[in-house]
Protein backbone atom coordinates (compact mmCIF):
# COMPACT_ATOMS: atom_id res chain seq x y z
CA UNK A 1 0.18 0.06 -0.01
CA UNK A 2 1.31 3.48 -0.91
CA UNK A 3 2.12 5.59 2.16
CA UNK A 4 2.78 9.33 2.67
CA UNK A 5 6.45 8.42 2.97
CA UNK A 6 6.15 7.24 -0.59
CA UNK A 7 4.55 10.41 -1.86
CA UNK A 8 7.11 12.60 0.16
CA UNK A 9 10.04 10.68 -1.57
CA UNK A 10 8.54 10.87 -4.99
CA UNK A 11 7.98 14.77 -4.70
CA UNK A 12 11.30 15.29 -2.95
CA UNK A 13 9.67 16.94 0.14
CA UNK A 14 9.56 16.03 3.77
CA UNK A 15 6.97 13.77 5.08
CA UNK A 16 5.46 16.56 7.16
CA UNK A 17 5.23 18.79 4.13
CA UNK A 18 3.46 16.18 2.05
CA UNK A 19 1.02 15.43 4.95
CA UNK A 20 0.22 19.03 5.37
CA UNK A 21 -0.47 19.68 1.69
CA UNK A 22 -2.52 16.58 1.22
CA UNK A 23 -4.71 17.44 4.30
CA UNK A 24 -5.26 21.08 3.31
CA UNK A 25 -3.75 22.21 6.54
CA UNK A 26 -3.37 25.83 7.05
CA UNK A 27 -0.51 25.57 9.52
CA UNK A 28 2.07 26.37 6.84
CA UNK A 29 2.02 27.90 3.54
CA UNK A 30 3.82 26.30 0.52
CA UNK A 31 4.49 27.50 -2.94
CA UNK A 32 2.16 26.61 -5.79
CA UNK A 33 5.23 24.68 -7.39
CA UNK A 34 5.67 22.60 -4.11
CA UNK A 35 1.90 21.93 -3.69
CA UNK A 36 1.84 20.82 -7.42
CA UNK A 37 4.82 18.40 -6.97
CA UNK A 38 2.95 16.75 -4.05
CA UNK A 39 -0.34 16.50 -5.55
CA UNK A 40 1.25 15.01 -8.94
CA UNK A 41 3.15 12.45 -6.72
CA UNK A 42 0.02 11.40 -4.92
CA UNK A 43 -1.92 11.06 -8.29
CA UNK A 44 0.90 9.14 -9.87
CA UNK A 45 1.22 6.70 -7.06
CA UNK A 46 -2.48 6.43 -6.34
CA UNK A 47 -2.15 7.37 -2.75
CA UNK A 48 -5.31 7.16 -0.69
CA UNK A 49 -5.16 8.84 2.75
CA UNK A 50 -6.14 6.68 5.74
CA UNK A 51 -8.28 8.93 7.74
CA UNK A 52 -8.66 6.30 10.59
CA UNK A 53 -4.95 6.15 11.01
CA UNK A 54 -4.32 9.68 10.80
CA UNK A 55 -6.95 10.39 13.62
CA UNK A 56 -5.24 7.75 15.78
CA UNK A 57 -1.91 9.61 15.44
CA UNK A 58 -3.08 13.08 15.63
CA UNK A 59 -6.18 12.72 17.86
CA UNK A 60 -8.15 14.75 15.35
CA UNK A 61 -10.79 13.44 12.88
CA UNK A 62 -11.25 16.83 10.93
CA UNK A 63 -14.80 16.16 11.11
CA UNK A 64 -17.32 18.73 12.28
CA UNK A 65 -20.89 17.85 13.21
CA UNK A 66 -23.69 20.32 12.26
CA UNK A 67 -26.35 19.31 14.92
CA UNK A 68 -29.74 20.59 13.77
CA UNK A 69 -32.44 19.06 16.17
CA UNK A 70 -35.60 17.98 14.67
CA UNK A 71 -38.49 20.29 16.21
CA UNK A 72 -40.86 20.66 13.38
CA UNK A 73 -38.88 19.66 10.37
CA UNK A 74 -35.59 17.92 9.51
CA UNK A 75 -32.80 20.31 8.36
CA UNK A 76 -33.47 18.92 4.72
CA UNK A 77 -36.91 20.58 4.41
CA UNK A 78 -36.34 23.70 6.45
CA UNK A 79 -34.95 26.07 3.77
CA UNK A 80 -33.15 28.37 6.10
CA UNK A 81 -31.38 25.45 7.67
CA UNK A 82 -30.31 24.23 4.24
CA UNK A 83 -28.79 27.48 3.36
CA UNK A 84 -26.76 27.54 6.61
CA UNK A 85 -25.74 23.76 6.00
CA UNK A 86 -24.59 24.66 2.47
CA UNK A 87 -22.43 27.51 3.69
CA UNK A 88 -20.85 25.37 6.44
CA UNK A 89 -20.14 22.45 3.93
CA UNK A 90 -18.55 24.78 1.42
CA UNK A 91 -16.21 26.05 4.14
CA UNK A 92 -15.22 22.70 5.22
CA UNK A 93 -14.52 21.64 1.76
CA UNK A 94 -12.34 24.45 1.09
CA UNK A 95 -10.49 23.80 4.43
CA UNK A 96 -9.98 20.05 4.63
CA UNK A 97 -12.59 19.32 7.05
CA UNK A 98 -15.52 16.78 6.59
CA UNK A 99 -19.24 17.67 7.47
CA UNK A 100 -21.26 15.26 9.51
CA UNK A 101 -24.90 16.31 9.59
CA UNK A 102 -27.00 15.00 12.61
CA UNK A 103 -30.78 15.74 13.38
CA UNK A 104 -31.51 14.23 16.68
CA UNK A 105 -35.04 14.23 18.23
CA UNK A 106 -35.72 15.45 21.57
CA UNK A 107 -38.57 13.67 23.15
CA UNK A 108 -39.67 13.91 26.91
CA UNK A 109 -36.57 15.54 27.78
CA UNK A 110 -34.23 13.05 26.27
CA UNK A 111 -31.99 13.11 23.33
CA UNK A 112 -31.76 10.32 20.72
CA UNK A 113 -29.45 7.47 22.15
CA UNK A 114 -27.78 7.20 18.80
CA UNK A 115 -26.72 10.79 18.95
CA UNK A 116 -25.16 10.23 22.32
CA UNK A 117 -23.29 7.10 20.92
CA UNK A 118 -22.04 9.50 18.10
CA UNK A 119 -20.41 11.63 20.58
CA UNK A 120 -19.15 8.83 22.66
CA UNK A 121 -17.49 7.31 19.39
CA UNK A 122 -15.25 10.33 19.17
CA UNK A 123 -16.13 11.18 15.53
CA UNK A 124 -16.39 14.93 15.73
CA UNK A 125 -13.81 17.35 16.61
CA UNK A 126 -16.20 20.11 17.13
CA UNK A 127 -20.01 20.95 17.00
CA UNK A 128 -22.19 23.60 15.30
CA UNK A 129 -25.55 23.39 16.72
CA UNK A 130 -28.81 25.13 15.83
CA UNK A 131 -30.04 26.81 19.04
CA UNK A 132 -32.93 28.83 17.54
CA UNK A 133 -35.36 26.54 19.48
CA UNK A 134 -35.11 25.45 23.01
CA UNK A 135 -32.73 22.63 23.18
CA UNK A 136 -31.73 22.45 26.70
CA UNK A 137 -31.52 18.48 26.87
CA UNK A 138 -29.18 18.57 23.77
CA UNK A 139 -26.74 21.07 25.19
CA UNK A 140 -26.63 19.15 28.45
CA UNK A 141 -25.41 16.21 26.44
CA UNK A 142 -22.90 18.31 24.65
CA UNK A 143 -21.50 19.61 27.87
CA UNK A 144 -20.71 16.02 29.02
CA UNK A 145 -18.37 15.59 26.30
CA UNK A 146 -16.66 19.10 26.55
CA UNK A 147 -16.37 19.39 22.71
CA UNK A 148 -15.80 22.81 21.16
CA UNK A 149 -19.14 24.12 20.26
CA UNK A 150 -20.81 27.04 18.55
CA UNK A 151 -24.41 27.74 18.94
CA UNK A 152 -26.48 29.31 16.20
CA UNK A 153 -29.29 31.47 17.55
CA UNK A 154 -30.49 32.50 20.98
CA UNK A 155 -29.79 29.45 23.35
CA UNK A 156 -27.51 30.58 25.97
CA UNK A 157 -23.91 29.44 25.20
CA UNK A 158 -20.34 30.95 25.64
CA UNK A 159 -19.88 31.10 21.89
CA UNK A 160 -22.83 31.98 19.63
CA UNK A 161 -23.62 33.29 16.14
CA UNK A 162 -27.06 34.95 15.77
CA UNK A 163 -29.05 37.65 13.68
CA UNK A 164 -30.51 40.53 15.67
CA UNK A 165 -34.16 39.10 15.47
CA UNK A 166 -35.46 41.98 17.79
CA UNK A 167 -34.26 44.58 15.15
CA UNK A 168 -35.52 42.50 12.32
CA UNK A 169 -39.15 42.22 13.71
CA UNK A 170 -39.04 45.91 14.51
CA UNK A 171 -37.92 46.83 10.77
CA UNK A 172 -40.83 44.75 9.39
CA UNK A 173 -43.42 46.38 11.52
CA UNK A 174 -41.85 49.92 10.97
CA UNK A 175 -42.18 49.32 7.23
CA UNK A 176 -45.83 48.47 7.33
CA UNK A 177 -46.61 51.20 9.69
CA UNK A 178 -44.84 53.73 7.38
CA UNK A 179 -46.93 52.45 4.51
CA UNK A 180 -50.09 53.21 6.51
CA UNK A 181 -51.18 49.75 7.86
CA UNK A 182 -52.73 49.59 11.16
CA UNK A 183 -54.81 46.41 11.07
CA UNK A 184 -51.95 43.76 10.75
CA UNK A 185 -52.26 40.16 11.47
CA UNK A 186 -49.34 38.01 12.74
CA UNK A 187 -48.45 34.39 11.64
CA UNK A 188 -46.11 33.42 14.63
CA UNK A 189 -45.29 30.27 16.40
CA UNK A 190 -46.25 28.88 19.74
CA UNK A 191 -44.76 30.62 22.83
CA UNK A 192 -41.83 28.83 24.35
CA UNK A 193 -40.70 27.11 21.35
CA UNK A 194 -38.56 29.41 19.01
CA UNK A 195 -36.30 31.74 20.91
CA UNK A 196 -35.75 33.74 17.65
CA UNK A 197 -39.36 33.98 16.87
CA UNK A 198 -39.97 35.48 20.45
CA UNK A 199 -37.35 38.15 19.77
CA UNK A 200 -38.95 39.01 16.50
CA UNK A 201 -42.41 39.37 18.22
CA UNK A 202 -40.83 41.65 20.77
CA UNK A 203 -39.51 43.94 17.97
CA UNK A 204 -42.72 44.02 16.32
CA UNK A 205 -44.27 45.09 19.68
CA UNK A 206 -41.50 47.88 20.32
CA UNK A 207 -42.32 49.25 16.86
CA UNK A 208 -46.12 49.31 17.60
CA UNK A 209 -45.66 51.09 20.94
CA UNK A 210 -43.47 53.68 19.33
CA UNK A 211 -46.11 54.46 16.80
CA UNK A 212 -49.08 54.36 19.27
CA UNK A 213 -50.50 51.06 18.03
CA UNK A 214 -51.83 48.67 20.62
CA UNK A 215 -49.84 45.51 19.96
CA UNK A 216 -52.28 43.35 21.99
CA UNK A 217 -55.04 44.05 19.50
CA UNK A 218 -53.09 42.48 16.60
CA UNK A 219 -54.77 39.19 15.44
CA UNK A 220 -52.40 36.22 15.78
CA UNK A 221 -52.42 32.64 14.63
CA UNK A 222 -49.53 30.17 15.29
CA UNK A 223 -48.07 28.13 12.60
CA UNK A 224 -45.25 25.62 12.50
CA UNK A 225 -42.89 27.40 10.13
CA UNK A 226 -44.15 25.49 7.18
CA UNK A 227 -45.87 26.76 3.97
CA UNK A 228 -49.01 24.65 4.85
CA UNK A 229 -49.22 26.30 8.29
CA UNK A 230 -48.91 29.71 6.65
CA UNK A 231 -51.86 28.90 4.43
CA UNK A 232 -54.01 27.82 7.37
CA UNK A 233 -52.95 30.80 9.34
CA UNK A 234 -53.86 33.31 6.55
CA UNK A 235 -57.20 31.86 5.97
CA UNK A 236 -58.19 31.80 9.56
CA UNK A 237 -56.93 35.38 10.17
CA UNK A 238 -58.76 36.96 7.08
CA UNK A 239 -62.01 34.99 7.67
CA UNK A 240 -61.96 36.10 11.30
CA UNK A 241 -60.69 39.71 10.69
CA UNK A 242 -61.81 40.87 7.13
CA UNK A 243 -60.55 44.27 7.97
CA UNK A 244 -56.79 43.13 7.88
CA UNK A 245 -54.67 45.00 5.31
CA UNK A 246 -51.42 43.18 6.20
CA UNK A 247 -49.89 40.05 7.43
CA UNK A 248 -46.54 39.41 8.98
CA UNK A 249 -45.21 35.84 8.85
CA UNK A 250 -42.25 35.04 11.11
CA UNK A 251 -40.40 33.26 8.32
CA UNK A 252 -40.65 33.12 4.39
CA UNK A 253 -42.09 29.78 4.10
CA UNK A 254 -45.24 30.65 6.04
CA UNK A 255 -45.44 33.81 4.18
CA UNK A 256 -45.15 32.25 0.82
CA UNK A 257 -47.84 29.60 1.94
CA UNK A 258 -50.15 32.46 3.06
CA UNK A 259 -49.83 34.30 -0.36
CA UNK A 260 -50.49 31.16 -2.41
CA UNK A 261 -53.63 30.38 -0.47
CA UNK A 262 -54.90 34.16 -0.44
CA UNK A 263 -54.59 34.15 -4.06
CA UNK A 264 -56.50 31.02 -4.43
CA UNK A 265 -59.18 32.60 -2.31
CA UNK A 266 -59.28 35.42 -4.83
CA UNK A 267 -57.17 38.16 -3.17
CA UNK A 268 -54.81 40.32 -5.00
CA UNK A 269 -51.36 40.75 -3.37
CA UNK A 270 -50.47 43.49 -2.33
CA UNK A 271 -53.32 45.52 -3.76
CA UNK A 272 -55.93 44.11 -1.04
CA UNK A 273 -53.38 42.74 1.62
CA UNK A 274 -49.84 43.01 2.01
CA UNK A 275 -47.71 39.98 3.18
CA UNK A 276 -44.25 40.16 4.46
CA UNK A 277 -41.85 37.27 5.54
CA UNK A 278 -38.57 36.72 7.47
CA UNK A 279 -35.27 35.01 6.16
CA UNK A 280 -34.91 36.21 2.51
CA UNK A 281 -34.66 32.82 1.09
CA UNK A 282 -33.41 32.47 -2.41
CA UNK A 283 -36.97 31.69 -3.53
CA UNK A 284 -38.23 35.05 -2.09
CA UNK A 285 -36.94 37.16 -4.98
CA UNK A 286 -38.49 35.00 -7.62
CA UNK A 287 -41.83 34.42 -5.78
CA UNK A 288 -44.96 36.01 -7.30
CA UNK A 289 -45.16 38.59 -6.00
CA UNK A 290 -41.49 39.10 -4.90
CA UNK A 291 -41.54 38.84 -1.09
CA UNK A 292 -40.58 41.62 1.25
CA UNK A 293 -38.69 40.14 3.95
CA UNK A 294 -35.66 40.35 6.22
CA UNK A 295 -32.22 39.32 5.16
CA UNK A 296 -30.29 37.51 7.88
CA UNK A 297 -26.97 36.91 5.90
CA UNK A 298 -27.54 33.26 6.09
CA UNK A 299 -25.07 32.51 3.25
CA UNK A 300 -22.14 33.86 5.49
CA UNK A 301 -23.16 31.93 8.69
CA UNK A 302 -21.13 28.87 7.77
CA UNK A 303 -17.69 30.74 7.56
CA UNK A 304 -18.37 32.72 10.64
CA UNK A 305 -19.16 29.63 12.57
CA UNK A 306 -16.38 27.71 11.35
CA UNK A 307 -14.10 30.58 12.15
CA UNK A 308 -15.44 30.49 15.80
CA UNK A 309 -14.97 26.75 15.97
CA UNK A 310 -11.30 26.84 14.47
CA UNK A 311 -10.36 29.39 16.98
CA UNK A 312 -11.39 26.95 19.81
CA UNK A 313 -9.33 24.08 18.11
CA UNK A 314 -6.29 26.49 18.29
CA UNK A 315 -6.86 27.27 21.97
CA UNK A 316 -8.07 30.88 21.10
CA UNK A 317 -11.18 32.54 22.57
CA UNK A 318 -13.48 33.43 19.75
CA UNK A 319 -15.84 36.51 19.75
CA UNK A 320 -19.51 35.74 19.53
CA UNK A 321 -21.27 37.47 16.52
CA UNK A 322 -24.59 39.33 16.28
CA UNK A 323 -25.39 39.98 12.53
CA UNK A 324 -27.44 43.17 11.75
CA UNK A 325 -30.62 42.31 9.70
CA UNK A 326 -31.58 44.03 6.65
CA UNK A 327 -35.14 44.99 5.43
CA UNK A 328 -35.69 43.89 1.70
CA UNK A 329 -38.58 45.59 0.27
CA UNK A 330 -40.23 43.96 -2.68
CA UNK A 331 -43.64 43.80 -4.34
CA UNK A 332 -45.61 42.01 -1.67
CA UNK A 333 -46.14 44.97 0.34
CA UNK A 334 -47.75 48.35 -0.50
CA UNK A 335 -49.90 51.07 1.16
CA UNK A 336 -53.44 49.83 2.02
CA UNK A 337 -56.54 51.00 0.19
CA UNK A 338 -54.88 51.88 -3.13
CA UNK A 339 -56.99 49.65 -5.57
CA UNK A 340 -58.50 51.59 -8.50
CA UNK A 341 -62.28 51.47 -8.94
CA UNK A 342 -61.68 48.90 -12.01
CA UNK A 343 -59.51 46.67 -9.84
CA UNK A 344 -61.98 46.67 -7.01
CA UNK A 345 -64.72 45.13 -9.18
CA UNK A 346 -62.28 42.23 -10.09
CA UNK A 347 -60.83 41.70 -6.74
CA UNK A 348 -63.61 40.12 -4.71
CA UNK A 349 -62.25 37.44 -2.36
CA UNK A 350 -64.12 34.30 -1.69
CA UNK A 351 -63.84 33.77 2.06
CA UNK A 352 -66.04 30.71 1.99
């Protein structure tokens, strides 16, 4: 079997140099010519690295676990989670790390035994965990293994990356109030489930109080962050409160589900009712109408979280990051009561 020693000899470099180049290590920088010699030698000899042996020698697997607990959806159906996972994977691939995705369930205060076994097996060097929801049992398990960890969201931890959801919620409500809306319905989530959603609602409340709007009178229906739940919420809200002129959904999926179903009911968006979301998913721009929403810079989360994790690997103290959100105004929001006489005759929603 071809070894790293054989590759180093063929390339006329030291074993450590060959090893670092082939493992994409950033500990030292090498010239393009040296890198090319080592890569050419490995290809010519058919060298295949033995990751298990490397881990035994170094005590490192170069595996990072992205842990996205299954609350409503798996991370493979939650589009915001997919954006974050894609950015983590891109960073890992470019820097010689391997990404392991885990989606454990938390049931009756207990975490999947298979997840505990994964940690006990020593597979990951570090953890990036989605902490947008309440995940106390999961973090208790992680603390037992004392692995370098970064949390995404609001769950308390020494090292965290989050967007300022309070500011994001405030920006959405300020946008609608500036357009002239006062009868606004909320498509939210149940209290005590999503820490991020709770911050968004607090921001909405702050904007209302600043403009003299009674937040407590805003109709609310709780969804599950899915498009189907957004559709149900929109139907329920407009049937119970036909005077609503706008809806705020606490994520884009619920907003898009609400818009689709309102259009099926005969509503024109935004002429009869404005709908805004949160996340700025890639689909939001191409949606019809294009969705007004909050951009959380999700595509940058992977690099930022990995930088924080690598700092811990190197014995450094990373600084936690709070990203400023940005309001993205598109066609799904407009001032209320702007229908022309002709459009009013053709825009008669069927609420049956």
